[in-house]
Structures are given as structure tokens and as C-alpha cells.
Amino acid sequence: QLDLLWTRKQNVMYNLFDWPTQKHSKLIILAIANTMDLPERIMMNRVASRLVCSSTLLFRIWDCSKMVQRCVALPLVCLLILAKPFPQLFGSVVAALSGDARRCLDICRRATEICELTRQKNTPEIVRMAHVTEAIDEMFSSPYVNAIRNASLHEQIFLKAILAEFRRAGVEEATVQQIYHHYVALCRVEGLQSPTVSEIMAICSRLGACRLLLVEASNKYLHMRVRLNLSQDDVMYALREE
């Protein structure tokens, strides 16, 4: 997961991609990244120069129909007696919450277990959307999710700004300054007055105290690096409108 090896000086990535270029080296590096143009976007020239002989293979995100097609083909889901509208509804829900097919299968598995627990003895039961909804709520319910739902409006906007910057950069780490630009834009959309830098730092500090964020200590506040302490899927689920 190349995104996670990013450092400010990028020494880790440089050394990694430099090894195959050494004389008599038989090492082949296969790297996975969420950002399609990661070399052009974040790599320094000295690191990108190590990729002269590299090739790139792009994998597109699964949409709802593909997710349903792949999941229903697996043995685990073939055990389910599916109601007719179930695959489409289920695929839509999971695709909206997460593009990760593994999360999709986890929800399937838990929905099956809930169905088994609630059915009458010796009576076959159909896995219904209610079971899936319960499984999704259970999977995404955590103290962190509840903390986000009970956070102030500006704290929630700050989290939305973090997600926006992560999507833009393709890296799950950003500086407060990068997040601030998205924050101001979101405040304009909501018709709210943009906060000052000190107010932004206070919001960041509160979210860090709740352990929703991991904040790097730095004397230059706007250059502090911020990471989420939970998955982006959980944040999106907590921020979605009922």
C-alpha cells in the first residue's frame, strides 16, 4: 500500500524503488496505491526517476451492478435465499457506503447470522433487507460514530473537509492548511461564516482529544499533519443524513 509509505522526505519510497536498479538485483517491486497519478502528484523528482522502467495497471472501482454480480457468485452468498429486490437494494446501499467488496461480504455474512438467530426453529427464513440494515447499523455503529453524530456542526464540517482533501490527494493524510481550504468552501455552501485560524485549531484540538483524529505535534500549526483514527467509510456513515 504505497500511500502509507509516504513520508515528508520520501526516503522510504526512494530506497524501495532504488533497490531494483542496483547491479545484479533480482528484485521486482509491485506497489498498490489508491491514487492513479500518485507519482506525478506526490513523488519528488528523485523518487519518480526510479520508476523509469515501471508500468502501471489501473483498476476501476466497482459500481453497484458489478458488486452484486461478484458477490452473488460467491459460495457464501449462494447459501442465501434471496428475495427478488434484495441484490439491487443491497448493492446500492453498500456501494453508497463503501466501495470495498470485503465490507460487502462482511455485511452479507452478518446478515445471514442475524437471520439464523431470529428465525423460528426448523422454519426456513429468507434473508431480508431488514437483516441487512441491522447488519450495516451494527457494523458501522461504534463510539467513534456516535461521537461524530453528537459533534458540533463545525466539527462535522471539518471532518467533511478532511474527506474532501483525502479524495483530492488520494493520500489519507493532510495538513491543517490543506483541509482549511475545503473547510472554507463548505462553510460558504452552508451559508456559514468562515472561522478564524485559531478557531480551526480549536476544532482540530477537540477532535484530536476525542481520538477521532491523529494530529502530529508541530510548532507550525497550519502545517500539522492530520489523519483519521477510523475508516473513511465510518465517517461517511456517521455524517450521512437519515
Protein backbone atom coordinates (compact mmCIF):
# COMPACT_ATOMS: atom_id res chain seq x y z
CA GLN A 1 0.00 0.00 0.00
CA LEU A 2 2.25 2.73 -1.34
CA ASP A 3 0.16 5.60 0.08
CA LEU A 4 1.08 4.50 3.61
CA LEU A 5 4.83 4.64 2.92
CA TRP A 6 4.74 8.36 2.16
CA THR A 7 6.98 10.49 4.39
CA ARG A 8 7.97 14.13 4.14
CA LYS A 9 11.45 13.38 2.78
CA GLN A 10 10.18 10.29 0.90
CA ASN A 11 13.31 8.32 1.84
CA VAL A 12 11.34 5.10 2.30
CA MET A 13 9.89 5.17 -1.21
CA TYR A 14 13.22 6.24 -2.72
CA ASN A 15 15.11 3.34 -1.14
CA LEU A 16 12.36 0.89 -2.06
CA PHE A 17 12.37 1.78 -5.75
CA ASP A 18 16.13 2.18 -5.86
CA TRP A 19 16.83 -1.46 -4.87
CA PRO A 20 15.71 -2.97 -8.22
CA THR A 21 18.06 -0.58 -10.07
CA GLN A 22 21.15 -1.89 -8.27
CA LYS A 23 23.64 -4.02 -10.19
CA HIS A 24 22.74 -7.74 -10.26
CA SER A 25 19.47 -7.02 -8.45
CA LYS A 26 16.71 -9.60 -8.98
CA LEU A 27 14.10 -7.69 -7.01
CA ILE A 28 10.72 -6.80 -8.55
CA ILE A 29 8.52 -4.27 -6.78
CA LEU A 30 4.72 -4.44 -7.05
CA ALA A 31 3.12 -1.40 -5.42
CA ILE A 32 -0.58 -0.66 -4.88
CA ALA A 33 -1.93 2.86 -4.44
CA ASN A 34 -5.37 4.44 -4.25
CA THR A 35 -4.16 7.37 -6.38
CA MET A 36 -3.92 6.72 -10.12
CA ASP A 37 -1.42 9.54 -10.71
CA LEU A 38 0.47 9.14 -7.44
CA PRO A 39 3.98 9.51 -9.00
CA GLU A 40 3.04 12.80 -10.65
CA ARG A 41 1.01 14.04 -7.69
CA ILE A 42 3.18 13.49 -4.62
CA MET A 43 6.54 11.95 -5.59
CA MET A 44 9.66 14.08 -5.64
CA ASN A 45 11.64 14.04 -8.88
CA ARG A 46 14.40 11.92 -7.38
CA VAL A 47 11.84 9.27 -6.38
CA ALA A 48 9.88 9.38 -9.64
CA SER A 49 13.15 8.94 -11.55
CA ARG A 50 13.44 5.45 -10.04
CA LEU A 51 10.24 4.47 -11.91
CA VAL A 52 11.63 4.88 -15.42
CA CYS A 53 11.13 1.20 -16.31
CA SER A 54 7.87 0.77 -14.42
CA SER A 55 4.42 0.06 -15.82
CA THR A 56 1.02 0.92 -14.37
CA LEU A 57 -2.19 -1.11 -14.29
CA LEU A 58 -5.42 0.71 -13.42
CA PHE A 59 -8.28 -0.99 -11.55
CA ARG A 60 -11.64 0.75 -11.74
CA ILE A 61 -13.90 0.98 -8.71
CA TRP A 62 -16.79 -1.48 -8.74
CA ASP A 63 -20.20 0.04 -9.27
CA CYS A 64 -23.41 -1.33 -7.77
CA SER A 65 -24.15 -3.86 -10.55
CA LYS A 66 -20.63 -5.32 -10.57
CA MET A 67 -20.56 -5.59 -6.80
CA VAL A 68 -23.84 -7.51 -6.79
CA GLN A 69 -22.71 -9.74 -9.66
CA ARG A 70 -19.42 -10.64 -7.98
CA CYS A 71 -20.87 -11.14 -4.51
CA VAL A 72 -23.84 -13.27 -5.54
CA ALA A 73 -21.43 -15.53 -7.43
CA LEU A 74 -19.57 -16.43 -4.23
CA PRO A 75 -20.45 -19.61 -2.29
CA LEU A 76 -21.21 -17.73 0.92
CA VAL A 77 -23.96 -15.67 -0.66
CA CYS A 78 -25.24 -18.59 -2.72
CA LEU A 79 -26.39 -20.08 0.59
CA LEU A 80 -28.84 -17.22 1.00
CA ILE A 81 -32.42 -17.47 -0.24
CA LEU A 82 -32.62 -14.01 -1.71
CA ALA A 83 -35.80 -12.06 -2.16
CA LYS A 84 -36.02 -10.63 -5.69
CA PRO A 85 -35.30 -6.95 -4.92
CA PHE A 86 -32.62 -7.79 -2.36
CA PRO A 87 -29.48 -7.79 -4.56
CA GLN A 88 -30.23 -4.42 -6.12
CA LEU A 89 -31.12 -2.79 -2.81
CA PHE A 90 -28.18 -4.36 -1.02
CA GLY A 91 -25.71 -3.41 -3.75
CA SER A 92 -26.95 0.18 -3.76
CA VAL A 93 -26.57 0.51 0.00
CA VAL A 94 -23.08 -0.98 0.13
CA ALA A 95 -21.85 0.91 -2.94
CA ALA A 96 -23.08 4.15 -1.36
CA LEU A 97 -21.36 3.45 1.96
CA SER A 98 -18.21 1.72 0.79
CA GLY A 99 -16.55 0.68 -2.44
CA ASP A 100 -14.80 -2.15 -0.62
CA ALA A 101 -16.20 -5.54 -1.64
CA ARG A 102 -14.75 -7.09 1.52
CA ARG A 103 -17.03 -4.88 3.59
CA CYS A 104 -19.87 -6.03 1.33
CA LEU A 105 -19.14 -9.69 2.14
CA ASP A 106 -18.82 -8.96 5.87
CA ILE A 107 -22.29 -7.40 5.82
CA CYS A 108 -23.63 -10.41 3.92
CA ARG A 109 -22.16 -12.77 6.48
CA ARG A 110 -23.55 -10.83 9.44
CA ALA A 111 -27.00 -10.51 7.82
CA THR A 112 -27.06 -14.30 7.42
CA GLU A 113 -26.17 -14.78 11.10
CA ILE A 114 -28.88 -12.36 12.21
CA CYS A 115 -31.40 -14.22 10.05
CA GLU A 116 -30.37 -17.53 11.59
CA LEU A 117 -30.68 -16.16 15.12
CA THR A 118 -34.14 -14.67 14.60
CA ARG A 119 -35.80 -17.48 12.64
CA GLN A 120 -38.19 -19.91 14.24
CA LYS A 121 -36.92 -23.40 14.99
CA ASN A 122 -37.00 -25.73 11.95
CA THR A 123 -38.51 -22.92 9.86
CA PRO A 124 -36.54 -21.69 6.83
CA GLU A 125 -36.20 -17.93 6.66
CA ILE A 126 -35.36 -15.53 3.85
CA VAL A 127 -32.59 -13.01 4.39
CA ARG A 128 -34.44 -9.73 4.04
CA MET A 129 -33.45 -6.10 3.77
CA ALA A 130 -34.25 -5.64 7.47
CA HIS A 131 -31.50 -8.12 8.30
CA VAL A 132 -29.07 -6.28 6.04
CA THR A 133 -29.99 -2.92 7.56
CA GLU A 134 -29.41 -4.31 11.06
CA ALA A 135 -26.06 -5.75 9.97
CA ILE A 136 -24.98 -2.41 8.45
CA ASP A 137 -26.04 -0.46 11.55
CA GLU A 138 -24.21 -2.94 13.75
CA MET A 139 -21.05 -2.86 11.65
CA PHE A 140 -20.85 0.91 11.43
CA SER A 141 -22.01 1.61 14.98
CA SER A 142 -19.13 2.41 17.31
CA PRO A 143 -18.30 5.01 19.98
CA TYR A 144 -16.45 6.96 17.28
CA VAL A 145 -19.51 7.03 15.01
CA ASN A 146 -21.70 8.16 17.90
CA ALA A 147 -19.15 10.85 18.80
CA ILE A 148 -19.28 12.21 15.23
CA ARG A 149 -23.08 12.25 15.24
CA ASN A 150 -23.04 14.23 18.51
CA ALA A 151 -20.30 16.61 17.36
CA SER A 152 -20.99 20.27 16.66
CA LEU A 153 -21.86 21.45 13.15
CA HIS A 154 -18.41 22.98 12.61
CA GLU A 155 -16.68 19.81 13.81
CA GLN A 156 -18.72 17.78 11.33
CA ILE A 157 -17.86 20.23 8.54
CA PHE A 158 -14.19 19.88 9.45
CA LEU A 159 -14.47 16.10 9.07
CA LYS A 160 -16.16 16.57 5.69
CA ALA A 161 -13.28 18.83 4.68
CA ILE A 162 -10.81 16.10 5.66
CA LEU A 163 -12.64 13.57 3.47
CA ALA A 164 -12.66 16.05 0.57
CA GLU A 165 -8.90 16.59 0.83
CA PHE A 166 -8.22 12.84 1.10
CA ARG A 167 -10.25 12.25 -2.07
CA ARG A 168 -8.43 15.07 -3.86
CA ALA A 169 -4.93 13.97 -2.90
CA GLY A 170 -5.51 10.22 -2.80
CA VAL A 171 -3.48 10.05 0.43
CA GLU A 172 -5.04 9.58 3.87
CA GLU A 173 -3.00 12.33 5.49
CA ALA A 174 -3.17 16.09 5.09
CA THR A 175 -2.03 19.33 6.67
CA VAL A 176 -4.44 21.62 8.50
CA GLN A 177 -3.81 24.24 5.82
CA GLN A 178 -4.92 21.87 3.03
CA ILE A 179 -8.06 20.96 5.00
CA TYR A 180 -8.78 24.61 5.75
CA HIS A 181 -9.32 25.44 2.06
CA HIS A 182 -12.06 22.78 1.80
CA TYR A 183 -13.50 23.93 5.14
CA VAL A 184 -13.96 27.50 3.92
CA ALA A 185 -15.64 26.26 0.72
CA LEU A 186 -18.05 24.04 2.69
CA CYS A 187 -18.93 26.93 5.02
CA ARG A 188 -19.87 29.04 2.00
CA VAL A 189 -22.13 26.27 0.72
CA GLU A 190 -23.80 26.05 4.14
CA GLY A 191 -24.11 29.83 4.36
CA LEU A 192 -21.90 29.96 7.46
CA GLN A 193 -19.22 32.46 8.37
CA SER A 194 -15.73 31.07 7.88
CA PRO A 195 -13.90 30.56 11.19
CA THR A 196 -10.54 32.06 12.03
CA VAL A 197 -7.34 30.02 12.08
CA SER A 198 -7.41 29.90 15.89
CA GLU A 199 -10.99 28.57 15.79
CA ILE A 200 -9.93 25.92 13.25
CA MET A 201 -7.08 24.86 15.53
CA ALA A 202 -9.51 24.62 18.45
CA ILE A 203 -11.81 22.36 16.39
CA CYS A 204 -8.87 20.21 15.37
CA SER A 205 -7.73 20.01 19.00
CA ARG A 206 -11.18 18.89 20.22
CA LEU A 207 -11.44 16.18 17.55
CA GLY A 208 -7.94 15.05 18.47
CA ALA A 209 -8.86 14.91 22.16
CA CYS A 210 -11.81 12.66 21.26
CA ARG A 211 -9.35 10.46 19.32
CA LEU A 212 -11.32 10.93 16.13
CA LEU A 213 -8.15 12.45 14.65
CA LEU A 214 -4.47 11.70 15.00
CA VAL A 215 -2.71 15.05 15.00
CA GLU A 216 1.04 15.42 14.55
CA ALA A 217 2.63 17.80 17.05
CA SER A 218 4.23 20.82 15.40
CA ASN A 219 5.08 24.43 16.21
CA LYS A 220 3.75 25.47 12.80
CA TYR A 221 0.06 24.87 13.42
CA LEU A 222 -1.14 25.13 9.81
CA HIS A 223 1.46 22.58 8.76
CA MET A 224 0.43 19.99 11.32
CA ARG A 225 -0.40 16.69 9.65
CA VAL A 226 -3.78 15.10 10.36
CA ARG A 227 -5.03 11.53 9.93
CA LEU A 228 -8.36 9.92 10.75
CA ASN A 229 -8.38 7.45 13.64
CA LEU A 230 -11.22 5.49 12.00
CA SER A 231 -12.02 4.48 8.46
CA GLN A 232 -13.39 6.93 5.91
CA ASP A 233 -16.41 4.63 5.49
CA ASP A 234 -17.28 5.04 9.18
CA VAL A 235 -17.01 8.83 8.93
CA MET A 236 -19.19 8.93 5.81
CA TYR A 237 -21.76 6.68 7.52
CA ALA A 238 -21.82 8.87 10.64
CA LEU A 239 -22.20 12.08 8.59
CA ARG A 240 -24.89 10.83 6.24
CA GLU A 241 -28.36 12.31 6.60
CA GLU A 242 -31.01 9.92 7.88
